[in-house]
């Protein structure tokens, strides 16, 4: 997971460069630490399989990197980078359904998935 996260961070940093129009496209070590901070909110018992934890990583990465992107073109490019990185490091995990061009399944984790009183971070 660390290798995948570092690889995705490197790809995002080199692909989305800071410009006058996109002055906020500056990705540094703080951003990758935010991804891991989101992963650390989860509880081990909520993740019976490695696949679900990888989905959480993809979710947190999209929240950290994808939420800063301003155009549909950039978001499409980011989704391609994330999907390719995941396929490269975790080839056995089926993630295509979350990145389909039509009728994609939502990849969302939140702390109120079951109920508002339940602080468990889940899909």
PDB file of N, CA and C in Angstrom:
ATOM      1  N   UNK A   1       0.825  -1.190   0.000  1.00  0.00           N
ATOM      2  CA  UNK A   1       0.000   0.000   0.000  1.00  0.00           C
ATOM      3  C   UNK A   1       0.874   1.261   0.000  1.00  0.00           C
ATOM      4  N   UNK A   2       1.949   1.221   0.763  1.00  0.00           N
ATOM      5  CA  UNK A   2       2.841   2.378   0.818  1.00  0.00           C
ATOM      6  C   UNK A   2       3.456   2.635  -0.546  1.00  0.00           C
ATOM      7  N   UNK A   3       3.856   1.575  -1.222  1.00  0.00           N
ATOM      8  CA  UNK A   3       4.432   1.707  -2.563  1.00  0.00           C
ATOM      9  C   UNK A   3       3.412   2.300  -3.533  1.00  0.00           C
ATOM     10  N   UNK A   4       2.182   1.843  -3.454  1.00  0.00           N
ATOM     11  CA  UNK A   4       1.120   2.356  -4.323  1.00  0.00           C
ATOM     12  C   UNK A   4       0.835   3.825  -4.021  1.00  0.00           C
ATOM     13  N   UNK A   5       0.764   4.167  -2.742  1.00  0.00           N
ATOM     14  CA  UNK A   5       0.481   5.551  -2.343  1.00  0.00           C
ATOM     15  C   UNK A   5       1.605   6.491  -2.770  1.00  0.00           C
ATOM     16  N   UNK A   6       2.842   6.070  -2.577  1.00  0.00           N
ATOM     17  CA  UNK A   6       3.982   6.897  -2.998  1.00  0.00           C
ATOM     18  C   UNK A   6       4.010   7.047  -4.515  1.00  0.00           C
ATOM     19  N   UNK A   7       3.715   5.972  -5.225  1.00  0.00           N
ATOM     20  CA  UNK A   7       3.679   6.033  -6.687  1.00  0.00           C
ATOM     21  C   UNK A   7       2.601   6.977  -7.190  1.00  0.00           C
ATOM     22  N   UNK A   8       1.407   6.887  -6.613  1.00  0.00           N
ATOM     23  CA  UNK A   8       0.316   7.768  -7.021  1.00  0.00           C
ATOM     24  C   UNK A   8       0.645   9.220  -6.682  1.00  0.00           C
ATOM     25  N   UNK A   9       1.227   9.452  -5.532  1.00  0.00           N
ATOM     26  CA  UNK A   9       1.613  10.814  -5.160  1.00  0.00           C
ATOM     27  C   UNK A   9       2.613  11.384  -6.163  1.00  0.00           C
ATOM     28  N   UNK A  10       3.582  10.589  -6.549  1.00  0.00           N
ATOM     29  CA  UNK A  10       4.571  11.031  -7.540  1.00  0.00           C
ATOM     30  C   UNK A  10       3.931  11.346  -8.877  1.00  0.00           C
ATOM     31  N   UNK A  11       3.002  10.494  -9.304  1.00  0.00           N
ATOM     32  CA  UNK A  11       2.310  10.727 -10.578  1.00  0.00           C
ATOM     33  C   UNK A  11       1.460  11.994 -10.524  1.00  0.00           C
ATOM     34  N   UNK A  12       0.744  12.178  -9.442  1.00  0.00           N
ATOM     35  CA  UNK A  12      -0.094  13.373  -9.298  1.00  0.00           C
ATOM     36  C   UNK A  12       0.780  14.627  -9.263  1.00  0.00           C
ATOM     37  N   UNK A  13       1.877  14.580  -8.509  1.00  0.00           N
ATOM     38  CA  UNK A  13       2.771  15.737  -8.394  1.00  0.00           C
ATOM     39  C   UNK A  13       3.385  16.132  -9.727  1.00  0.00           C
ATOM     40  N   UNK A  14       3.725  15.140 -10.539  1.00  0.00           N
ATOM     41  CA  UNK A  14       4.359  15.446 -11.822  1.00  0.00           C
ATOM     42  C   UNK A  14       3.348  15.748 -12.929  1.00  0.00           C
ATOM     43  N   UNK A  15       2.136  15.243 -12.818  1.00  0.00           N
ATOM     44  CA  UNK A  15       1.118  15.453 -13.856  1.00  0.00           C
ATOM     45  C   UNK A  15       0.399  16.781 -13.679  1.00  0.00           C
ATOM     46  N   UNK A  16       0.053  17.126 -12.466  1.00  0.00           N
ATOM     47  CA  UNK A  16      -0.712  18.341 -12.185  1.00  0.00           C
ATOM     48  C   UNK A  16       0.219  19.379 -11.572  1.00  0.00           C
ATOM     49  N   UNK A  17       0.791  20.201 -12.438  1.00  0.00           N
ATOM     50  CA  UNK A  17       1.752  21.210 -12.007  1.00  0.00           C
ATOM     51  C   UNK A  17       1.059  22.530 -11.711  1.00  0.00           C
ATOM     52  N   UNK A  18       1.643  23.288 -10.821  1.00  0.00           N
ATOM     53  CA  UNK A  18       1.108  24.596 -10.452  1.00  0.00           C
ATOM     54  C   UNK A  18       1.285  25.565 -11.624  1.00  0.00           C
ATOM     55  N   UNK A  19       0.199  26.267 -11.968  1.00  0.00           N
ATOM     56  CA  UNK A  19       0.231  27.285 -13.018  1.00  0.00           C
ATOM     57  C   UNK A  19      -0.462  28.535 -12.474  1.00  0.00           C
ATOM     58  N   UNK A  20      -0.485  29.584 -13.272  1.00  0.00           N
ATOM     59  CA  UNK A  20      -1.178  30.810 -12.852  1.00  0.00           C
ATOM     60  C   UNK A  20      -2.675  30.549 -12.688  1.00  0.00           C
ATOM     61  N   UNK A  21      -3.236  29.736 -13.552  1.00  0.00           N
ATOM     62  CA  UNK A  21      -4.668  29.429 -13.473  1.00  0.00           C
ATOM     63  C   UNK A  21      -4.978  28.425 -12.365  1.00  0.00           C
ATOM     64  N   UNK A  22      -4.051  27.519 -12.135  1.00  0.00           N
ATOM     65  CA  UNK A  22      -4.243  26.478 -11.111  1.00  0.00           C
ATOM     66  C   UNK A  22      -3.133  26.581 -10.058  1.00  0.00           C
ATOM     67  N   UNK A  23      -3.081  27.717  -9.404  1.00  0.00           N
ATOM     68  CA  UNK A  23      -2.011  27.976  -8.433  1.00  0.00           C
ATOM     69  C   UNK A  23      -2.079  27.046  -7.219  1.00  0.00           C
ATOM     70  N   UNK A  24      -3.205  26.393  -7.011  1.00  0.00           N
ATOM     71  CA  UNK A  24      -3.352  25.477  -5.876  1.00  0.00           C
ATOM     72  C   UNK A  24      -2.936  24.042  -6.218  1.00  0.00           C
ATOM     73  N   UNK A  25      -2.478  23.805  -7.446  1.00  0.00           N
ATOM     74  CA  UNK A  25      -1.999  22.472  -7.835  1.00  0.00           C
ATOM     75  C   UNK A  25      -0.562  22.293  -7.341  1.00  0.00           C
ATOM     76  N   UNK A  26      -0.407  22.259  -6.052  1.00  0.00           N
ATOM     77  CA  UNK A  26       0.898  22.041  -5.447  1.00  0.00           C
ATOM     78  C   UNK A  26       0.741  20.896  -4.459  1.00  0.00           C
ATOM     79  N   UNK A  27       1.303  19.750  -4.801  1.00  0.00           N
ATOM     80  CA  UNK A  27       1.125  18.552  -3.978  1.00  0.00           C
ATOM     81  C   UNK A  27       2.457  18.218  -3.314  1.00  0.00           C
ATOM     82  N   UNK A  28       2.440  18.127  -1.996  1.00  0.00           N
ATOM     83  CA  UNK A  28       3.669  17.875  -1.251  1.00  0.00           C
ATOM     84  C   UNK A  28       3.435  16.779  -0.204  1.00  0.00           C
ATOM     85  N   UNK A  29       4.376  16.649   0.714  1.00  0.00           N
ATOM     86  CA  UNK A  29       4.327  15.575   1.703  1.00  0.00           C
ATOM     87  C   UNK A  29       3.095  15.694   2.607  1.00  0.00           C
ATOM     88  N   UNK A  30       2.594  16.899   2.794  1.00  0.00           N
ATOM     89  CA  UNK A  30       1.388  17.083   3.612  1.00  0.00           C
ATOM     90  C   UNK A  30       0.207  16.337   3.000  1.00  0.00           C
ATOM     91  N   UNK A  31       0.129  16.303   1.683  1.00  0.00           N
ATOM     92  CA  UNK A  31      -0.998  15.649   1.020  1.00  0.00           C
ATOM     93  C   UNK A  31      -0.950  14.134   1.198  1.00  0.00           C
ATOM     94  N   UNK A  32       0.206  13.558   1.062  1.00  0.00           N
ATOM     95  CA  UNK A  32       0.279  12.102   1.252  1.00  0.00           C
ATOM     96  C   UNK A  32       0.046  11.753   2.735  1.00  0.00           C
ATOM     97  N   UNK A  33       0.454  12.626   3.640  1.00  0.00           N
ATOM     98  CA  UNK A  33       0.172  12.359   5.056  1.00  0.00           C
ATOM     99  C   UNK A  33      -1.331  12.440   5.325  1.00  0.00           C
ATOM    100  N   UNK A  34      -2.053  13.284   4.600  1.00  0.00           N
ATOM    101  CA  UNK A  34      -3.508  13.347   4.745  1.00  0.00           C
ATOM    102  C   UNK A  34      -4.172  12.059   4.271  1.00  0.00           C
ATOM    103  N   UNK A  35      -3.620  11.433   3.242  1.00  0.00           N
ATOM    104  CA  UNK A  35      -4.144  10.138   2.784  1.00  0.00           C
ATOM    105  C   UNK A  35      -4.003   9.114   3.903  1.00  0.00           C
ATOM    106  N   UNK A  36      -2.830   9.043   4.499  1.00  0.00           N
ATOM    107  CA  UNK A  36      -2.606   8.062   5.570  1.00  0.00           C
ATOM    108  C   UNK A  36      -3.376   8.416   6.833  1.00  0.00           C
ATOM    109  N   UNK A  37      -3.583   9.686   7.087  1.00  0.00           N
ATOM    110  CA  UNK A  37      -4.402  10.087   8.228  1.00  0.00           C
ATOM    111  C   UNK A  37      -5.823   9.556   8.066  1.00  0.00           C
ATOM    112  N   UNK A  38      -6.350   9.624   6.842  1.00  0.00           N
ATOM    113  CA  UNK A  38      -7.673   9.072   6.578  1.00  0.00           C
ATOM    114  C   UNK A  38      -7.720   7.570   6.747  1.00  0.00           C
ATOM    115  N   UNK A  39      -6.644   6.883   6.372  1.00  0.00           N
ATOM    116  CA  UNK A  39      -6.583   5.430   6.544  1.00  0.00           C
ATOM    117  C   UNK A  39      -6.554   5.052   8.029  1.00  0.00           C
ATOM    118  N   UNK A  40      -5.898   5.868   8.823  1.00  0.00           N
ATOM    119  CA  UNK A  40      -5.763   5.565  10.255  1.00  0.00           C
ATOM    120  C   UNK A  40      -7.043   5.795  11.047  1.00  0.00           C
ATOM    121  N   UNK A  41      -8.028   6.448  10.461  1.00  0.00           N
ATOM    122  CA  UNK A  41      -9.321   6.637  11.119  1.00  0.00           C
ATOM    123  C   UNK A  41     -10.102   5.323  11.168  1.00  0.00           C
ATOM    124  N   UNK A  42      -9.801   4.431  10.246  1.00  0.00           N
ATOM    125  CA  UNK A  42     -10.545   3.168  10.144  1.00  0.00           C
ATOM    126  C   UNK A  42     -10.191   2.215  11.275  1.00  0.00           C
ATOM    127  N   UNK A  43     -11.073   1.267  11.492  1.00  0.00           N
ATOM    128  CA  UNK A  43     -10.877   0.230  12.514  1.00  0.00           C
ATOM    129  C   UNK A  43     -10.620  -1.102  11.804  1.00  0.00           C
ATOM    130  N   UNK A  44      -9.632  -1.873  12.239  1.00  0.00           N
ATOM    131  CA  UNK A  44      -9.279  -3.127  11.569  1.00  0.00           C
ATOM    132  C   UNK A  44     -10.443  -4.099  11.396  1.00  0.00           C
ATOM    133  N   UNK A  45     -11.345  -4.158  12.357  1.00  0.00           N
ATOM    134  CA  UNK A  45     -12.452  -5.117  12.265  1.00  0.00           C
ATOM    135  C   UNK A  45     -13.423  -4.776  11.134  1.00  0.00           C
ATOM    136  N   UNK A  46     -13.369  -3.580  10.608  1.00  0.00           N
ATOM    137  CA  UNK A  46     -14.234  -3.187   9.491  1.00  0.00           C
ATOM    138  C   UNK A  46     -13.682  -3.647   8.143  1.00  0.00           C
ATOM    139  N   UNK A  47     -12.472  -4.185   8.145  1.00  0.00           N
ATOM    140  CA  UNK A  47     -11.816  -4.555   6.894  1.00  0.00           C
ATOM    141  C   UNK A  47     -11.405  -6.029   6.902  1.00  0.00           C
ATOM    142  N   UNK A  48     -12.373  -6.899   6.612  1.00  0.00           N
ATOM    143  CA  UNK A  48     -12.082  -8.327   6.618  1.00  0.00           C
ATOM    144  C   UNK A  48     -11.187  -8.762   5.457  1.00  0.00           C
ATOM    145  N   UNK A  49     -11.101  -7.927   4.422  1.00  0.00           N
ATOM    146  CA  UNK A  49     -10.271  -8.278   3.267  1.00  0.00           C
ATOM    147  C   UNK A  49      -9.367  -7.110   2.904  1.00  0.00           C
ATOM    148  N   UNK A  50      -8.260  -7.446   2.270  1.00  0.00           N
ATOM    149  CA  UNK A  50      -7.333  -6.414   1.807  1.00  0.00           C
ATOM    150  C   UNK A  50      -7.991  -5.556   0.736  1.00  0.00           C
ATOM    151  N   UNK A  51      -8.879  -6.137  -0.048  1.00  0.00           N
ATOM    152  CA  UNK A  51      -9.543  -5.398  -1.125  1.00  0.00           C
ATOM    153  C   UNK A  51     -10.306  -4.188  -0.583  1.00  0.00           C
ATOM    154  N   UNK A  52     -10.996  -4.355   0.509  1.00  0.00           N
ATOM    155  CA  UNK A  52     -11.770  -3.250   1.080  1.00  0.00           C
ATOM    156  C   UNK A  52     -10.841  -2.143   1.573  1.00  0.00           C
ATOM    157  N   UNK A  53      -9.681  -2.510   2.121  1.00  0.00           N
ATOM    158  CA  UNK A  53      -8.731  -1.500   2.585  1.00  0.00           C
ATOM    159  C   UNK A  53      -8.132  -0.741   1.400  1.00  0.00           C
ATOM    160  N   UNK A  54      -7.918  -1.423   0.294  1.00  0.00           N
ATOM    161  CA  UNK A  54      -7.421  -0.759  -0.912  1.00  0.00           C
ATOM    162  C   UNK A  54      -8.475   0.221  -1.430  1.00  0.00           C
ATOM    163  N   UNK A  55      -9.740  -0.151  -1.339  1.00  0.00           N
ATOM    164  CA  UNK A  55     -10.811   0.765  -1.737  1.00  0.00           C
ATOM    165  C   UNK A  55     -10.821   2.003  -0.844  1.00  0.00           C
ATOM    166  N   UNK A  56     -10.549   1.824   0.437  1.00  0.00           N
ATOM    167  CA  UNK A  56     -10.457   2.972   1.337  1.00  0.00           C
ATOM    168  C   UNK A  56      -9.295   3.863   0.918  1.00  0.00           C
ATOM    169  N   UNK A  57      -8.169   3.274   0.567  1.00  0.00           N
ATOM    170  CA  UNK A  57      -7.019   4.055   0.090  1.00  0.00           C
ATOM    171  C   UNK A  57      -7.389   4.849  -1.166  1.00  0.00           C
ATOM    172  N   UNK A  58      -8.086   4.215  -2.105  1.00  0.00           N
ATOM    173  CA  UNK A  58      -8.506   4.930  -3.311  1.00  0.00           C
ATOM    174  C   UNK A  58      -9.449   6.080  -2.962  1.00  0.00           C
ATOM    175  N   UNK A  59     -10.360   5.832  -2.022  1.00  0.00           N
ATOM    176  CA  UNK A  59     -11.285   6.877  -1.584  1.00  0.00           C
ATOM    177  C   UNK A  59     -10.524   8.049  -0.958  1.00  0.00           C
ATOM    178  N   UNK A  60      -9.638   7.761  -0.030  1.00  0.00           N
ATOM    179  CA  UNK A  60      -8.887   8.818   0.646  1.00  0.00           C
ATOM    180  C   UNK A  60      -7.999   9.584  -0.340  1.00  0.00           C
ATOM    181  N   UNK A  61      -7.399   8.875  -1.284  1.00  0.00           N
ATOM    182  CA  UNK A  61      -6.567   9.534  -2.291  1.00  0.00           C
ATOM    183  C   UNK A  61      -7.397  10.477  -3.150  1.00  0.00           C
ATOM    184  N   UNK A  62      -8.588  10.036  -3.509  1.00  0.00           N
ATOM    185  CA  UNK A  62      -9.459  10.912  -4.299  1.00  0.00           C
ATOM    186  C   UNK A  62      -9.898  12.123  -3.498  1.00  0.00           C
ATOM    187  N   UNK A  63     -10.140  11.945  -2.221  1.00  0.00           N
ATOM    188  CA  UNK A  63     -10.531  13.084  -1.380  1.00  0.00           C
ATOM    189  C   UNK A  63      -9.380  14.085  -1.259  1.00  0.00           C
ATOM    190  N   UNK A  64      -8.159  13.603  -1.159  1.00  0.00           N
ATOM    191  CA  UNK A  64      -7.014  14.490  -0.988  1.00  0.00           C
ATOM    192  C   UNK A  64      -6.594  15.115  -2.311  1.00  0.00           C
ATOM    193  N   UNK A  65      -6.420  14.306  -3.340  1.00  0.00           N
ATOM    194  CA  UNK A  65      -5.927  14.814  -4.628  1.00  0.00           C
ATOM    195  C   UNK A  65      -7.060  15.258  -5.544  1.00  0.00           C
ATOM    196  N   UNK A  66      -8.030  14.391  -5.728  1.00  0.00           N
ATOM    197  CA  UNK A  66      -9.105  14.668  -6.683  1.00  0.00           C
ATOM    198  C   UNK A  66      -9.944  15.872  -6.323  1.00  0.00           C
ATOM    199  N   UNK A  67     -10.150  16.106  -5.038  1.00  0.00           N
ATOM    200  CA  UNK A  67     -10.972  17.248  -4.629  1.00  0.00           C
ATOM    201  C   UNK A  67     -10.324  18.591  -4.928  1.00  0.00           C
ATOM    202  N   UNK A  68      -9.038  18.606  -5.205  1.00  0.00           N
ATOM    203  CA  UNK A  68      -8.346  19.858  -5.539  1.00  0.00           C
ATOM    204  C   UNK A  68      -8.400  20.165  -7.031  1.00  0.00           C
ATOM    205  N   UNK A  69      -8.757  19.196  -7.827  1.00  0.00           N
ATOM    206  CA  UNK A  69      -8.759  19.378  -9.279  1.00  0.00           C
ATOM    207  C   UNK A  69      -9.996  20.153  -9.713  1.00  0.00           C
ATOM    208  N   UNK A  70      -9.823  21.029 -10.703  1.00  0.00           N
ATOM    209  CA  UNK A  70     -10.900  21.966 -11.041  1.00  0.00           C
ATOM    210  C   UNK A  70     -11.635  21.665 -12.340  1.00  0.00           C
ATOM    211  N   UNK A  71     -11.110  20.788 -13.159  1.00  0.00           N
ATOM    212  CA  UNK A  71     -11.780  20.522 -14.438  1.00  0.00           C
ATOM    213  C   UNK A  71     -12.109  19.039 -14.575  1.00  0.00           C
ATOM    214  N   UNK A  72     -13.100  18.769 -15.381  1.00  0.00           N
ATOM    215  CA  UNK A  72     -13.477  17.388 -15.663  1.00  0.00           C
ATOM    216  C   UNK A  72     -12.328  16.649 -16.338  1.00  0.00           C
ATOM    217  N   UNK A  73     -11.608  17.350 -17.194  1.00  0.00           N
ATOM    218  CA  UNK A  73     -10.455  16.746 -17.880  1.00  0.00           C
ATOM    219  C   UNK A  73      -9.384  16.316 -16.875  1.00  0.00           C
ATOM    220  N   UNK A  74      -9.097  17.172 -15.896  1.00  0.00           N
ATOM    221  CA  UNK A  74      -8.109  16.826 -14.876  1.00  0.00           C
ATOM    222  C   UNK A  74      -8.600  15.679 -14.002  1.00  0.00           C
ATOM    223  N   UNK A  75      -9.883  15.681 -13.674  1.00  0.00           N
ATOM    224  CA  UNK A  75     -10.435  14.602 -12.849  1.00  0.00           C
ATOM    225  C   UNK A  75     -10.387  13.273 -13.598  1.00  0.00           C
ATOM    226  N   UNK A  76     -10.672  13.306 -14.895  1.00  0.00           N
ATOM    227  CA  UNK A  76     -10.583  12.096 -15.720  1.00  0.00           C
ATOM    228  C   UNK A  76      -9.146  11.585 -15.765  1.00  0.00           C
ATOM    229  N   UNK A  77      -8.212  12.511 -15.893  1.00  0.00           N
ATOM    230  CA  UNK A  77      -6.793  12.139 -15.917  1.00  0.00           C
ATOM    231  C   UNK A  77      -6.382  11.545 -14.568  1.00  0.00           C
ATOM    232  N   UNK A  78      -6.841  12.160 -13.476  1.00  0.00           N
ATOM    233  CA  UNK A  78      -6.532  11.620 -12.146  1.00  0.00           C
ATOM    234  C   UNK A  78      -7.097  10.205 -11.985  1.00  0.00           C
ATOM    235  N   UNK A  79      -8.348  10.015 -12.383  1.00  0.00           N
ATOM    236  CA  UNK A  79      -8.968   8.686 -12.265  1.00  0.00           C
ATOM    237  C   UNK A  79      -8.168   7.648 -13.035  1.00  0.00           C
ATOM    238  N   UNK A  80      -7.660   8.021 -14.188  1.00  0.00           N
ATOM    239  CA  UNK A  80      -6.833   7.111 -14.980  1.00  0.00           C
ATOM    240  C   UNK A  80      -5.531   6.784 -14.240  1.00  0.00           C
ATOM    241  N   UNK A  81      -4.900   7.791 -13.659  1.00  0.00           N
ATOM    242  CA  UNK A  81      -3.663   7.562 -12.902  1.00  0.00           C
ATOM    243  C   UNK A  81      -3.905   6.635 -11.715  1.00  0.00           C
ATOM    244  N   UNK A  82      -4.974   6.891 -10.964  1.00  0.00           N
ATOM    245  CA  UNK A  82      -5.271   6.074  -9.785  1.00  0.00           C
ATOM    246  C   UNK A  82      -5.589   4.639 -10.183  1.00  0.00           C
ATOM    247  N   UNK A  83      -6.386   4.491 -11.227  1.00  0.00           N
ATOM    248  CA  UNK A  83      -6.765   3.154 -11.676  1.00  0.00           C
ATOM    249  C   UNK A  83      -5.546   2.382 -12.182  1.00  0.00           C
ATOM    250  N   UNK A  84      -4.693   3.028 -12.949  1.00  0.00           N
ATOM    251  CA  UNK A  84      -3.494   2.354 -13.468  1.00  0.00           C
ATOM    252  C   UNK A  84      -2.535   1.987 -12.345  1.00  0.00           C
ATOM    253  N   UNK A  85      -2.379   2.864 -11.363  1.00  0.00           N
ATOM    254  CA  UNK A  85      -1.500   2.568 -10.232  1.00  0.00           C
ATOM    255  C   UNK A  85      -2.029   1.380  -9.438  1.00  0.00           C
ATOM    256  N   UNK A  86      -3.334   1.349  -9.246  1.00  0.00           N
ATOM    257  CA  UNK A  86      -3.939   0.243  -8.498  1.00  0.00           C
ATOM    258  C   UNK A  86      -3.805  -1.073  -9.269  1.00  0.00           C
ATOM    259  N   UNK A  87      -4.018  -1.030 -10.577  1.00  0.00           N
ATOM    260  CA  UNK A  87      -3.875  -2.245 -11.400  1.00  0.00           C
ATOM    261  C   UNK A  87      -2.434  -2.754 -11.387  1.00  0.00           C
ATOM    262  N   UNK A  88      -1.488  -1.816 -11.363  1.00  0.00           N
ATOM    263  CA  UNK A  88      -0.072  -2.183 -11.389  1.00  0.00           C
ATOM    264  C   UNK A  88       0.350  -2.856 -10.084  1.00  0.00           C
ATOM    265  N   UNK A  89      -0.070  -2.304  -8.954  1.00  0.00           N
ATOM    266  CA  UNK A  89       0.359  -2.823  -7.649  1.00  0.00           C
ATOM    267  C   UNK A  89      -0.560  -3.930  -7.140  1.00  0.00           C
ATOM    268  N   UNK A  90      -1.845  -3.814  -7.420  1.00  0.00           N
ATOM    269  CA  UNK A  90      -2.839  -4.791  -6.938  1.00  0.00           C
ATOM    270  C   UNK A  90      -3.638  -5.343  -8.116  1.00  0.00           C
ATOM    271  N   UNK A  91      -3.030  -6.141  -8.979  1.00  0.00           N
ATOM    272  CA  UNK A  91      -3.705  -6.584 -10.207  1.00  0.00           C
ATOM    273  C   UNK A  91      -4.917  -7.490  -9.991  1.00  0.00           C
ATOM    274  N   UNK A  92      -5.020  -8.125  -8.835  1.00  0.00           N
ATOM    275  CA  UNK A  92      -6.133  -9.057  -8.624  1.00  0.00           C
ATOM    276  C   UNK A  92      -7.399  -8.383  -8.085  1.00  0.00           C
ATOM    277  N   UNK A  93      -7.311  -7.117  -7.716  1.00  0.00           N
ATOM    278  CA  UNK A  93      -8.474  -6.439  -7.140  1.00  0.00           C
ATOM    279  C   UNK A  93      -9.315  -5.795  -8.234  1.00  0.00           C
ATOM    280  N   UNK A  94     -10.607  -6.122  -8.308  1.00  0.00           N
ATOM    281  CA  UNK A  94     -11.478  -5.548  -9.341  1.00  0.00           C
ATOM    282  C   UNK A  94     -11.959  -4.143  -8.953  1.00  0.00           C
ATOM    283  N   UNK A  95     -11.407  -3.133  -9.619  1.00  0.00           N
ATOM    284  CA  UNK A  95     -11.790  -1.753  -9.301  1.00  0.00           C
ATOM    285  C   UNK A  95     -12.462  -1.050 -10.473  1.00  0.00           C
ATOM    286  N   UNK A  96     -12.552  -1.709 -11.606  1.00  0.00           N
ATOM    287  CA  UNK A  96     -13.093  -1.071 -12.818  1.00  0.00           C
ATOM    288  C   UNK A  96     -14.518  -0.559 -12.621  1.00  0.00           C
ATOM    289  N   UNK A  97     -15.298  -1.234 -11.799  1.00  0.00           N
ATOM    290  CA  UNK A  97     -16.697  -0.821 -11.606  1.00  0.00           C
ATOM    291  C   UNK A  97     -16.806   0.557 -10.963  1.00  0.00           C
ATOM    292  N   UNK A  98     -15.756   0.991 -10.271  1.00  0.00           N
ATOM    293  CA  UNK A  98     -15.775   2.310  -9.643  1.00  0.00           C
ATOM    294  C   UNK A  98     -15.319   3.413 -10.595  1.00  0.00           C
ATOM    295  N   UNK A  99     -14.702   3.020 -11.706  1.00  0.00           N
ATOM    296  CA  UNK A  99     -14.175   3.986 -12.659  1.00  0.00           C
ATOM    297  C   UNK A  99     -14.820   3.857 -14.038  1.00  0.00           C
ATOM    298  N   UNK A 100     -15.948   3.191 -14.125  1.00  0.00           N
ATOM    299  CA  UNK A 100     -16.657   3.029 -15.396  1.00  0.00           C
ATOM    300  C   UNK A 100     -17.137   4.393 -15.898  1.00  0.00           C
ATOM    301  N   UNK A 101     -17.154   4.567 -17.214  1.00  0.00           N
ATOM    302  CA  UNK A 101     -17.589   5.851 -17.772  1.00  0.00           C
ATOM    303  C   UNK A 101     -19.088   6.069 -17.608  1.00  0.00           C
ATOM    304  N   UNK A 102     -19.842   4.983 -17.517  1.00  0.00           N
ATOM    305  CA  UNK A 102     -21.284   5.090 -17.282  1.00  0.00           C
ATOM    306  C   UNK A 102     -21.685   4.161 -16.141  1.00  0.00           C
ATOM    307  N   UNK A 103     -22.570   4.623 -15.291  1.00  0.00           N
ATOM    308  CA  UNK A 103     -23.102   3.847 -14.173  1.00  0.00           C
ATOM    309  C   UNK A 103     -22.017   3.311 -13.236  1.00  0.00           C
ATOM    310  N   UNK A 104     -21.028   4.140 -12.954  1.00  0.00           N
ATOM    311  CA  UNK A 104     -19.969   3.732 -12.029  1.00  0.00           C
ATOM    312  C   UNK A 104     -20.532   3.647 -10.614  1.00  0.00           C
ATOM    313  N   UNK A 105     -20.076   2.653  -9.874  1.00  0.00           N
ATOM    314  CA  UNK A 105     -20.487   2.535  -8.476  1.00  0.00           C
ATOM    315  C   UNK A 105     -19.740   3.595  -7.668  1.00  0.00           C
ATOM    316  N   UNK A 106     -20.421   4.193  -6.703  1.00  0.00           N
ATOM    317  CA  UNK A 106     -19.730   5.208  -5.885  1.00  0.00           C
ATOM    318  C   UNK A 106     -18.704   4.564  -4.953  1.00  0.00           C
ATOM    319  N   UNK A 107     -17.591   5.215  -4.824  1.00  0.00           N
ATOM    320  CA  UNK A 107     -16.526   4.753  -3.929  1.00  0.00           C
ATOM    321  C   UNK A 107     -16.453   5.752  -2.776  1.00  0.00           C
ATOM    322  N   UNK A 108     -17.305   5.543  -1.771  1.00  0.00           N
ATOM    323  CA  UNK A 108     -17.440   6.496  -0.682  1.00  0.00           C
ATOM    324  C   UNK A 108     -17.367   5.761   0.655  1.00  0.00           C
ATOM    325  N   UNK A 109     -16.556   6.281   1.534  1.00  0.00           N
ATOM    326  CA  UNK A 109     -16.493   5.820   2.918  1.00  0.00           C
ATOM    327  C   UNK A 109     -16.866   7.005   3.793  1.00  0.00           C
ATOM    328  N   UNK A 110     -17.586   6.744   4.868  1.00  0.00           N
ATOM    329  CA  UNK A 110     -17.951   7.816   5.793  1.00  0.00           C
ATOM    330  C   UNK A 110     -18.158   7.235   7.186  1.00  0.00           C
ATOM    331  N   UNK A 111     -18.206   8.103   8.162  1.00  0.00           N
ATOM    332  CA  UNK A 111     -18.367   7.633   9.544  1.00  0.00           C
ATOM    333  C   UNK A 111     -19.829   7.470   9.936  1.00  0.00           C
ATOM    334  N   UNK A 112     -20.745   7.760   9.050  1.00  0.00           N
ATOM    335  CA  UNK A 112     -22.170   7.592   9.354  1.00  0.00           C
ATOM    336  C   UNK A 112     -22.846   6.655   8.351  1.00  0.00           C
ATOM    337  N   UNK A 113     -22.106   5.643   7.884  1.00  0.00           N
ATOM    338  CA  UNK A 113     -22.640   4.704   6.892  1.00  0.00           C
ATOM    339  C   UNK A 113     -23.821   3.908   7.440  1.00  0.00           C
ATOM    340  N   UNK A 114     -23.742   3.504   8.681  1.00  0.00           N
ATOM    341  CA  UNK A 114     -24.816   2.711   9.304  1.00  0.00           C
ATOM    342  C   UNK A 114     -25.832   3.603  10.005  1.00  0.00           C
ATOM    343  N   UNK A 115     -25.335   4.502  10.843  1.00  0.00           N
ATOM    344  CA  UNK A 115     -26.216   5.449  11.532  1.00  0.00           C
ATOM    345  C   UNK A 115     -25.384   6.635  12.000  1.00  0.00           C
ATOM    346  N   UNK A 116     -26.047   7.694  12.308  1.00  0.00           N
ATOM    347  CA  UNK A 116     -25.355   8.919  12.735  1.00  0.00           C
ATOM    348  C   UNK A 116     -24.687   8.761  14.093  1.00  0.00           C
ATOM    349  N   UNK A 117     -25.176   7.849  14.918  1.00  0.00           N
ATOM    350  CA  UNK A 117     -24.606   7.631  16.238  1.00  0.00           C
ATOM    351  C   UNK A 117     -23.417   6.669  16.228  1.00  0.00           C
ATOM    352  N   UNK A 118     -23.208   6.004  15.112  1.00  0.00           N
ATOM    353  CA  UNK A 118     -22.150   5.003  15.013  1.00  0.00           C
ATOM    354  C   UNK A 118     -20.913   5.639  14.371  1.00  0.00           C
ATOM    355  N   UNK A 119     -19.836   5.864  15.126  1.00  0.00           N
ATOM    356  CA  UNK A 119     -18.668   6.539  14.576  1.00  0.00           C
ATOM    357  C   UNK A 119     -17.730   5.637  13.764  1.00  0.00           C
ATOM    358  N   UNK A 120     -18.220   4.538  13.226  1.00  0.00           N
ATOM    359  CA  UNK A 120     -17.381   3.620  12.460  1.00  0.00           C
ATOM    360  C   UNK A 120     -17.255   4.121  11.026  1.00  0.00           C
ATOM    361  N   UNK A 121     -16.018   4.225  10.568  1.00  0.00           N
ATOM    362  CA  UNK A 121     -15.721   4.697   9.217  1.00  0.00           C
ATOM    363  C   UNK A 121     -15.851   3.527   8.264  1.00  0.00           C
ATOM    364  N   UNK A 122     -16.905   3.528   7.426  1.00  0.00           N
ATOM    365  CA  UNK A 122     -17.193   2.366   6.599  1.00  0.00           C
ATOM    366  C   UNK A 122     -17.761   2.784   5.251  1.00  0.00           C
ATOM    367  N   UNK A 123     -17.812   1.841   4.343  1.00  0.00           N
ATOM    368  CA  UNK A 123     -18.327   2.058   2.997  1.00  0.00           C
ATOM    369  C   UNK A 123     -19.833   1.936   2.968  1.00  0.00           C
TER     370      UNK A 123
END
